[in-house]
Amino acid sequence: MKTTAILSAVIASLSPLAFADQAAPVGAGVPVVDYHYGLHLDIAQVLQRTDNSAKTGVVETVMTYRDSQGEVHKLRYLELGGQSNQNG
């Protein structure tokens, strides 16, 4: 009985380590900046962006990117959705 209690305590204490390798979402905790004309952008790599392929018209997009210094940023801007609403 004593061995079972000790084994249970050891397993319970190690359980947080099992989840330590799971990475946080890309850009978690990074504030979103709204784009404005003339804003200087240093985009070395796009990490993630909103999928607007099924939307119509002008829609809001958030892009997460890494700059040339390796820092992660989030940018909110408007773009045209991927679907056209033409009757044809």
PDB file of N, CA and C in Angstrom:
ATOM      1  N   MET A   1       0.820  -1.197   0.000  1.00  0.00           N
ATOM      2  CA  MET A   1       0.000   0.000   0.000  1.00  0.00           C
ATOM      3  C   MET A   1       0.855   1.250   0.000  1.00  0.00           C
ATOM      4  N   LYS A   2       1.939   1.224   0.784  1.00  0.00           N
ATOM      5  CA  LYS A   2       2.822   2.377   0.865  1.00  0.00           C
ATOM      6  C   LYS A   2       3.501   2.642  -0.480  1.00  0.00           C
ATOM      7  N   THR A   3       3.873   1.582  -1.172  1.00  0.00           N
ATOM      8  CA  THR A   3       4.516   1.723  -2.480  1.00  0.00           C
ATOM      9  C   THR A   3       3.567   2.363  -3.493  1.00  0.00           C
ATOM     10  N   THR A   4       2.317   1.987  -3.447  1.00  0.00           N
ATOM     11  CA  THR A   4       1.327   2.550  -4.362  1.00  0.00           C
ATOM     12  C   THR A   4       1.152   4.045  -4.123  1.00  0.00           C
ATOM     13  N   ALA A   5       1.134   4.458  -2.874  1.00  0.00           N
ATOM     14  CA  ALA A   5       0.985   5.877  -2.543  1.00  0.00           C
ATOM     15  C   ALA A   5       2.190   6.680  -3.017  1.00  0.00           C
ATOM     16  N   ILE A   6       3.378   6.108  -2.832  1.00  0.00           N
ATOM     17  CA  ILE A   6       4.594   6.800  -3.275  1.00  0.00           C
ATOM     18  C   ILE A   6       4.620   6.895  -4.795  1.00  0.00           C
ATOM     19  N   LEU A   7       4.276   5.808  -5.474  1.00  0.00           N
ATOM     20  CA  LEU A   7       4.259   5.799  -6.931  1.00  0.00           C
ATOM     21  C   LEU A   7       3.236   6.805  -7.458  1.00  0.00           C
ATOM     22  N   SER A   8       2.070   6.875  -6.844  1.00  0.00           N
ATOM     23  CA  SER A   8       1.051   7.845  -7.258  1.00  0.00           C
ATOM     24  C   SER A   8       1.538   9.274  -7.078  1.00  0.00           C
ATOM     25  N   ALA A   9       2.233   9.541  -5.969  1.00  0.00           N
ATOM     26  CA  ALA A   9       2.756  10.883  -5.722  1.00  0.00           C
ATOM     27  C   ALA A   9       3.812  11.259  -6.759  1.00  0.00           C
ATOM     28  N   VAL A  10       4.668  10.324  -7.123  1.00  0.00           N
ATOM     29  CA  VAL A  10       5.711  10.594  -8.117  1.00  0.00           C
ATOM     30  C   VAL A  10       5.086  10.862  -9.482  1.00  0.00           C
ATOM     31  N   ILE A  11       4.114  10.064  -9.881  1.00  0.00           N
ATOM     32  CA  ILE A  11       3.453  10.262 -11.176  1.00  0.00           C
ATOM     33  C   ILE A  11       2.721  11.595 -11.204  1.00  0.00           C
ATOM     34  N   ALA A  12       2.043  11.930 -10.122  1.00  0.00           N
ATOM     35  CA  ALA A  12       1.327  13.208 -10.060  1.00  0.00           C
ATOM     36  C   ALA A  12       2.279  14.393 -10.132  1.00  0.00           C
ATOM     37  N   SER A  13       3.448  14.262  -9.542  1.00  0.00           N
ATOM     38  CA  SER A  13       4.394  15.378  -9.574  1.00  0.00           C
ATOM     39  C   SER A  13       5.040  15.547 -10.944  1.00  0.00           C
ATOM     40  N   LEU A  14       5.074  14.497 -11.750  1.00  0.00           N
ATOM     41  CA  LEU A  14       5.682  14.569 -13.078  1.00  0.00           C
ATOM     42  C   LEU A  14       4.685  14.949 -14.171  1.00  0.00           C
ATOM     43  N   SER A  15       3.397  14.932 -13.889  1.00  0.00           N
ATOM     44  CA  SER A  15       2.408  15.195 -14.928  1.00  0.00           C
ATOM     45  C   SER A  15       2.530  16.576 -15.564  1.00  0.00           C
ATOM     46  N   PRO A  16       2.890  17.655 -14.844  1.00  0.00           N
ATOM     47  CA  PRO A  16       3.073  18.931 -15.542  1.00  0.00           C
ATOM     48  C   PRO A  16       4.201  18.894 -16.574  1.00  0.00           C
ATOM     49  N   LEU A  17       5.197  18.052 -16.349  1.00  0.00           N
ATOM     50  CA  LEU A  17       6.302  17.948 -17.303  1.00  0.00           C
ATOM     51  C   LEU A  17       5.859  17.318 -18.614  1.00  0.00           C
ATOM     52  N   ALA A  18       4.819  16.505 -18.571  1.00  0.00           N
ATOM     53  CA  ALA A  18       4.332  15.870 -19.794  1.00  0.00           C
ATOM     54  C   ALA A  18       3.767  16.900 -20.763  1.00  0.00           C
ATOM     55  N   PHE A  19       3.247  18.003 -20.233  1.00  0.00           N
ATOM     56  CA  PHE A  19       2.662  19.033 -21.073  1.00  0.00           C
ATOM     57  C   PHE A  19       3.619  20.178 -21.356  1.00  0.00           C
ATOM     58  N   ALA A  20       4.809  20.147 -20.846  1.00  0.00           N
ATOM     59  CA  ALA A  20       5.766  21.241 -21.013  1.00  0.00           C
ATOM     60  C   ALA A  20       6.228  21.386 -22.457  1.00  0.00           C
ATOM     61  N   ASP A  21       6.231  20.304 -23.214  1.00  0.00           N
ATOM     62  CA  ASP A  21       6.697  20.365 -24.595  1.00  0.00           C
ATOM     63  C   ASP A  21       5.654  20.923 -25.551  1.00  0.00           C
ATOM     64  N   GLN A  22       4.413  21.047 -25.107  1.00  0.00           N
ATOM     65  CA  GLN A  22       3.384  21.593 -25.974  1.00  0.00           C
ATOM     66  C   GLN A  22       3.573  23.094 -26.079  1.00  0.00           C
ATOM     67  N   ALA A  23       3.847  23.562 -27.275  1.00  0.00           N
ATOM     68  CA  ALA A  23       4.136  24.975 -27.493  1.00  0.00           C
ATOM     69  C   ALA A  23       2.865  25.810 -27.405  1.00  0.00           C
ATOM     70  N   ALA A  24       3.025  27.040 -26.956  1.00  0.00           N
ATOM     71  CA  ALA A  24       1.915  27.989 -26.933  1.00  0.00           C
ATOM     72  C   ALA A  24       1.589  28.381 -28.369  1.00  0.00           C
ATOM     73  N   PRO A  25       0.360  28.833 -28.630  1.00  0.00           N
ATOM     74  CA  PRO A  25       0.013  29.269 -29.983  1.00  0.00           C
ATOM     75  C   PRO A  25       0.974  30.354 -30.474  1.00  0.00           C
ATOM     76  N   VAL A  26       1.184  30.386 -31.772  1.00  0.00           N
ATOM     77  CA  VAL A  26       2.090  31.361 -32.372  1.00  0.00           C
ATOM     78  C   VAL A  26       1.626  32.769 -32.025  1.00  0.00           C
ATOM     79  N   GLY A  27       2.516  33.566 -31.466  1.00  0.00           N
ATOM     80  CA  GLY A  27       2.197  34.949 -31.154  1.00  0.00           C
ATOM     81  C   GLY A  27       1.346  35.151 -29.921  1.00  0.00           C
ATOM     82  N   ALA A  28       1.216  34.120 -29.088  1.00  0.00           N
ATOM     83  CA  ALA A  28       0.414  34.265 -27.872  1.00  0.00           C
ATOM     84  C   ALA A  28       1.024  35.355 -26.991  1.00  0.00           C
ATOM     85  N   GLY A  29       0.201  36.262 -26.545  1.00  0.00           N
ATOM     86  CA  GLY A  29       0.662  37.336 -25.679  1.00  0.00           C
ATOM     87  C   GLY A  29       1.236  38.539 -26.411  1.00  0.00           C
ATOM     88  N   VAL A  30       1.291  38.479 -27.728  1.00  0.00           N
ATOM     89  CA  VAL A  30       1.815  39.597 -28.520  1.00  0.00           C
ATOM     90  C   VAL A  30       0.656  40.543 -28.836  1.00  0.00           C
ATOM     91  N   PRO A  31       0.779  41.837 -28.554  1.00  0.00           N
ATOM     92  CA  PRO A  31      -0.321  42.761 -28.846  1.00  0.00           C
ATOM     93  C   PRO A  31      -0.518  42.941 -30.358  1.00  0.00           C
ATOM     94  N   VAL A  32      -1.764  43.134 -30.751  1.00  0.00           N
ATOM     95  CA  VAL A  32      -2.100  43.343 -32.161  1.00  0.00           C
ATOM     96  C   VAL A  32      -2.018  44.833 -32.473  1.00  0.00           C
ATOM     97  N   VAL A  33      -1.305  45.172 -33.557  1.00  0.00           N
ATOM     98  CA  VAL A  33      -1.160  46.561 -33.994  1.00  0.00           C
ATOM     99  C   VAL A  33      -2.021  46.759 -35.233  1.00  0.00           C
ATOM    100  N   ASP A  34      -2.793  47.849 -35.275  1.00  0.00           N
ATOM    101  CA  ASP A  34      -3.598  48.168 -36.451  1.00  0.00           C
ATOM    102  C   ASP A  34      -2.725  48.844 -37.498  1.00  0.00           C
ATOM    103  N   TYR A  35      -2.839  48.364 -38.747  1.00  0.00           N
ATOM    104  CA  TYR A  35      -2.071  48.959 -39.838  1.00  0.00           C
ATOM    105  C   TYR A  35      -2.604  50.351 -40.158  1.00  0.00           C
ATOM    106  N   HIS A  36      -1.696  51.261 -40.466  1.00  0.00           N
ATOM    107  CA  HIS A  36      -2.063  52.570 -40.995  1.00  0.00           C
ATOM    108  C   HIS A  36      -1.079  52.910 -42.098  1.00  0.00           C
ATOM    109  N   TYR A  37      -1.521  53.741 -43.021  1.00  0.00           N
ATOM    110  CA  TYR A  37      -0.705  54.099 -44.165  1.00  0.00           C
ATOM    111  C   TYR A  37       0.629  54.682 -43.694  1.00  0.00           C
ATOM    112  N   GLY A  38       1.715  54.206 -44.264  1.00  0.00           N
ATOM    113  CA  GLY A  38       3.046  54.690 -43.926  1.00  0.00           C
ATOM    114  C   GLY A  38       3.725  53.916 -42.808  1.00  0.00           C
ATOM    115  N   LEU A  39       3.033  52.933 -42.244  1.00  0.00           N
ATOM    116  CA  LEU A  39       3.626  52.124 -41.172  1.00  0.00           C
ATOM    117  C   LEU A  39       4.785  51.311 -41.742  1.00  0.00           C
ATOM    118  N   HIS A  40       5.960  51.423 -41.138  1.00  0.00           N
ATOM    119  CA  HIS A  40       7.124  50.668 -41.599  1.00  0.00           C
ATOM    120  C   HIS A  40       6.993  49.216 -41.141  1.00  0.00           C
ATOM    121  N   LEU A  41       7.049  48.290 -42.099  1.00  0.00           N
ATOM    122  CA  LEU A  41       6.940  46.868 -41.788  1.00  0.00           C
ATOM    123  C   LEU A  41       8.248  46.161 -42.122  1.00  0.00           C
ATOM    124  N   ASP A  42       8.704  45.341 -41.209  1.00  0.00           N
ATOM    125  CA  ASP A  42       9.908  44.532 -41.399  1.00  0.00           C
ATOM    126  C   ASP A  42       9.464  43.080 -41.268  1.00  0.00           C
ATOM    127  N   ILE A  43       9.005  42.510 -42.376  1.00  0.00           N
ATOM    128  CA  ILE A  43       8.465  41.151 -42.354  1.00  0.00           C
ATOM    129  C   ILE A  43       9.473  40.207 -42.984  1.00  0.00           C
ATOM    130  N   ALA A  44      10.066  39.353 -42.171  1.00  0.00           N
ATOM    131  CA  ALA A  44      11.010  38.364 -42.677  1.00  0.00           C
ATOM    132  C   ALA A  44      10.307  37.036 -42.955  1.00  0.00           C
ATOM    133  N   GLN A  45       9.289  36.706 -42.135  1.00  0.00           N
ATOM    134  CA  GLN A  45       8.590  35.436 -42.294  1.00  0.00           C
ATOM    135  C   GLN A  45       7.167  35.577 -41.763  1.00  0.00           C
ATOM    136  N   VAL A  46       6.201  35.193 -42.584  1.00  0.00           N
ATOM    137  CA  VAL A  46       4.806  35.169 -42.135  1.00  0.00           C
ATOM    138  C   VAL A  46       4.581  33.839 -41.438  1.00  0.00           C
ATOM    139  N   LEU A  47       4.129  33.900 -40.185  1.00  0.00           N
ATOM    140  CA  LEU A  47       3.915  32.697 -39.398  1.00  0.00           C
ATOM    141  C   LEU A  47       2.478  32.201 -39.472  1.00  0.00           C
ATOM    142  N   GLN A  48       1.537  33.145 -39.536  1.00  0.00           N
ATOM    143  CA  GLN A  48       0.127  32.782 -39.537  1.00  0.00           C
ATOM    144  C   GLN A  48      -0.685  33.977 -40.000  1.00  0.00           C
ATOM    145  N   ARG A  49      -1.817  33.717 -40.644  1.00  0.00           N
ATOM    146  CA  ARG A  49      -2.734  34.799 -40.986  1.00  0.00           C
ATOM    147  C   ARG A  49      -4.144  34.249 -41.040  1.00  0.00           C
ATOM    148  N   THR A  50      -5.116  35.139 -40.895  1.00  0.00           N
ATOM    149  CA  THR A  50      -6.516  34.759 -40.907  1.00  0.00           C
ATOM    150  C   THR A  50      -6.893  34.205 -42.278  1.00  0.00           C
ATOM    151  N   ASP A  51      -7.630  33.108 -42.292  1.00  0.00           N
ATOM    152  CA  ASP A  51      -8.103  32.529 -43.549  1.00  0.00           C
ATOM    153  C   ASP A  51      -9.422  33.195 -43.928  1.00  0.00           C
ATOM    154  N   ASN A  52      -9.399  34.032 -44.933  1.00  0.00           N
ATOM    155  CA  ASN A  52     -10.591  34.724 -45.406  1.00  0.00           C
ATOM    156  C   ASN A  52     -11.059  34.201 -46.753  1.00  0.00           C
ATOM    157  N   SER A  53     -10.655  32.995 -47.108  1.00  0.00           N
ATOM    158  CA  SER A  53     -10.983  32.453 -48.432  1.00  0.00           C
ATOM    159  C   SER A  53     -12.479  32.192 -48.607  1.00  0.00           C
ATOM    160  N   ALA A  54     -13.197  31.971 -47.535  1.00  0.00           N
ATOM    161  CA  ALA A  54     -14.634  31.690 -47.647  1.00  0.00           C
ATOM    162  C   ALA A  54     -15.492  32.919 -47.356  1.00  0.00           C
ATOM    163  N   LYS A  55     -14.869  34.070 -47.184  1.00  0.00           N
ATOM    164  CA  LYS A  55     -15.595  35.300 -46.859  1.00  0.00           C
ATOM    165  C   LYS A  55     -15.722  36.187 -48.086  1.00  0.00           C
ATOM    166  N   THR A  56     -16.680  37.099 -48.042  1.00  0.00           N
ATOM    167  CA  THR A  56     -16.955  37.990 -49.159  1.00  0.00           C
ATOM    168  C   THR A  56     -16.785  39.435 -48.728  1.00  0.00           C
ATOM    169  N   GLY A  57     -16.292  40.268 -49.643  1.00  0.00           N
ATOM    170  CA  GLY A  57     -16.168  41.700 -49.368  1.00  0.00           C
ATOM    171  C   GLY A  57     -14.906  42.028 -48.594  1.00  0.00           C
ATOM    172  N   VAL A  58     -14.916  43.196 -47.982  1.00  0.00           N
ATOM    173  CA  VAL A  58     -13.761  43.652 -47.205  1.00  0.00           C
ATOM    174  C   VAL A  58     -13.851  43.048 -45.809  1.00  0.00           C
ATOM    175  N   VAL A  59     -12.809  42.335 -45.411  1.00  0.00           N
ATOM    176  CA  VAL A  59     -12.802  41.642 -44.122  1.00  0.00           C
ATOM    177  C   VAL A  59     -11.518  41.951 -43.355  1.00  0.00           C
ATOM    178  N   GLU A  60     -11.595  41.810 -42.059  1.00  0.00           N
ATOM    179  CA  GLU A  60     -10.441  42.050 -41.192  1.00  0.00           C
ATOM    180  C   GLU A  60      -9.535  40.822 -41.191  1.00  0.00           C
ATOM    181  N   THR A  61      -8.246  41.059 -41.235  1.00  0.00           N
ATOM    182  CA  THR A  61      -7.247  39.995 -41.218  1.00  0.00           C
ATOM    183  C   THR A  61      -6.219  40.294 -40.142  1.00  0.00           C
ATOM    184  N   VAL A  62      -5.759  39.250 -39.459  1.00  0.00           N
ATOM    185  CA  VAL A  62      -4.657  39.394 -38.509  1.00  0.00           C
ATOM    186  C   VAL A  62      -3.523  38.504 -39.001  1.00  0.00           C
ATOM    187  N   MET A  63      -2.364  39.113 -39.175  1.00  0.00           N
ATOM    188  CA  MET A  63      -1.180  38.392 -39.622  1.00  0.00           C
ATOM    189  C   MET A  63      -0.162  38.382 -38.486  1.00  0.00           C
ATOM    190  N   THR A  64       0.380  37.205 -38.200  1.00  0.00           N
ATOM    191  CA  THR A  64       1.457  37.060 -37.230  1.00  0.00           C
ATOM    192  C   THR A  64       2.730  36.833 -38.024  1.00  0.00           C
ATOM    193  N   TYR A  65       3.756  37.627 -37.737  1.00  0.00           N
ATOM    194  CA  TYR A  65       4.990  37.516 -38.517  1.00  0.00           C
ATOM    195  C   TYR A  65       6.221  37.714 -37.634  1.00  0.00           C
ATOM    196  N   ARG A  66       7.348  37.283 -38.178  1.00  0.00           N
ATOM    197  CA  ARG A  66       8.642  37.447 -37.513  1.00  0.00           C
ATOM    198  C   ARG A  66       9.432  38.477 -38.300  1.00  0.00           C
ATOM    199  N   ASP A  67      10.047  39.443 -37.599  1.00  0.00           N
ATOM    200  CA  ASP A  67      10.841  40.460 -38.289  1.00  0.00           C
ATOM    201  C   ASP A  67      12.281  39.982 -38.466  1.00  0.00           C
ATOM    202  N   SER A  68      13.117  40.803 -39.077  1.00  0.00           N
ATOM    203  CA  SER A  68      14.500  40.410 -39.359  1.00  0.00           C
ATOM    204  C   SER A  68      15.345  40.243 -38.100  1.00  0.00           C
ATOM    205  N   GLN A  69      14.857  40.738 -36.972  1.00  0.00           N
ATOM    206  CA  GLN A  69      15.560  40.570 -35.697  1.00  0.00           C
ATOM    207  C   GLN A  69      15.083  39.328 -34.936  1.00  0.00           C
ATOM    208  N   GLY A  70      14.072  38.630 -35.488  1.00  0.00           N
ATOM    209  CA  GLY A  70      13.545  37.419 -34.865  1.00  0.00           C
ATOM    210  C   GLY A  70      12.377  37.658 -33.918  1.00  0.00           C
ATOM    211  N   GLU A  71      11.921  38.905 -33.782  1.00  0.00           N
ATOM    212  CA  GLU A  71      10.806  39.208 -32.895  1.00  0.00           C
ATOM    213  C   GLU A  71       9.478  38.939 -33.604  1.00  0.00           C
ATOM    214  N   VAL A  72       8.490  38.486 -32.837  1.00  0.00           N
ATOM    215  CA  VAL A  72       7.174  38.167 -33.378  1.00  0.00           C
ATOM    216  C   VAL A  72       6.245  39.364 -33.185  1.00  0.00           C
ATOM    217  N   HIS A  73       5.455  39.675 -34.234  1.00  0.00           N
ATOM    218  CA  HIS A  73       4.507  40.801 -34.217  1.00  0.00           C
ATOM    219  C   HIS A  73       3.174  40.324 -34.775  1.00  0.00           C
ATOM    220  N   LYS A  74       2.103  41.047 -34.423  1.00  0.00           N
ATOM    221  CA  LYS A  74       0.780  40.804 -34.998  1.00  0.00           C
ATOM    222  C   LYS A  74       0.283  42.099 -35.600  1.00  0.00           C
ATOM    223  N   LEU A  75      -0.272  42.002 -36.804  1.00  0.00           N
ATOM    224  CA  LEU A  75      -0.747  43.170 -37.534  1.00  0.00           C
ATOM    225  C   LEU A  75      -2.181  42.918 -38.000  1.00  0.00           C
ATOM    226  N   ARG A  76      -3.078  43.876 -37.727  1.00  0.00           N
ATOM    227  CA  ARG A  76      -4.469  43.785 -38.169  1.00  0.00           C
ATOM    228  C   ARG A  76      -4.671  44.765 -39.326  1.00  0.00           C
ATOM    229  N   TYR A  77      -5.277  44.268 -40.413  1.00  0.00           N
ATOM    230  CA  TYR A  77      -5.521  45.104 -41.586  1.00  0.00           C
ATOM    231  C   TYR A  77      -6.751  44.589 -42.321  1.00  0.00           C
ATOM    232  N   LEU A  78      -7.193  45.323 -43.335  1.00  0.00           N
ATOM    233  CA  LEU A  78      -8.354  44.938 -44.131  1.00  0.00           C
ATOM    234  C   LEU A  78      -7.903  44.379 -45.470  1.00  0.00           C
ATOM    235  N   GLU A  79      -8.643  43.392 -45.977  1.00  0.00           N
ATOM    236  CA  GLU A  79      -8.385  42.831 -47.295  1.00  0.00           C
ATOM    237  C   GLU A  79      -9.697  42.351 -47.887  1.00  0.00           C
ATOM    238  N   LEU A  80      -9.676  42.045 -49.178  1.00  0.00           N
ATOM    239  CA  LEU A  80     -10.857  41.483 -49.828  1.00  0.00           C
ATOM    240  C   LEU A  80     -10.916  39.989 -49.553  1.00  0.00           C
ATOM    241  N   GLY A  81     -12.119  39.508 -49.223  1.00  0.00           N
ATOM    242  CA  GLY A  81     -12.306  38.082 -49.019  1.00  0.00           C
ATOM    243  C   GLY A  81     -12.099  37.314 -50.305  1.00  0.00           C
ATOM    244  N   GLY A  82     -11.968  36.012 -50.211  1.00  0.00           N
ATOM    245  CA  GLY A  82     -11.632  35.186 -51.359  1.00  0.00           C
ATOM    246  C   GLY A  82     -12.783  34.855 -52.272  1.00  0.00           C
ATOM    247  N   GLN A  83     -14.021  34.955 -51.831  1.00  0.00           N
ATOM    248  CA  GLN A  83     -15.163  34.596 -52.661  1.00  0.00           C
ATOM    249  C   GLN A  83     -15.756  35.823 -53.313  1.00  0.00           C
ATOM    250  N   SER A  84     -16.108  35.679 -54.563  1.00  0.00           N
ATOM    251  CA  SER A  84     -16.782  36.802 -55.219  1.00  0.00           C
ATOM    252  C   SER A  84     -18.285  36.555 -55.113  1.00  0.00           C
ATOM    253  N   ASN A  85     -19.030  37.632 -55.114  1.00  0.00           N
ATOM    254  CA  ASN A  85     -20.481  37.498 -55.006  1.00  0.00           C
ATOM    255  C   ASN A  85     -21.157  37.857 -56.328  1.00  0.00           C
ATOM    256  N   GLN A  86     -20.501  37.538 -57.430  1.00  0.00           N
ATOM    257  CA  GLN A  86     -21.039  37.834 -58.751  1.00  0.00           C
ATOM    258  C   GLN A  86     -22.054  36.767 -59.143  1.00  0.00           C
ATOM    259  N   ASN A  87     -23.114  37.181 -59.769  1.00  0.00           N
ATOM    260  CA  ASN A  87     -24.100  36.237 -60.311  1.00  0.00           C
ATOM    261  C   ASN A  87     -23.770  36.016 -61.779  1.00  0.00           C
ATOM    262  N   GLY A  88     -23.268  34.846 -62.070  1.00  0.00           N
ATOM    263  CA  GLY A  88     -22.861  34.769 -63.418  1.00  0.00           C
ATOM    264  C   GLY A  88     -22.879  33.484 -64.034  1.00  0.00           C
TER     265      GLY A  88
END
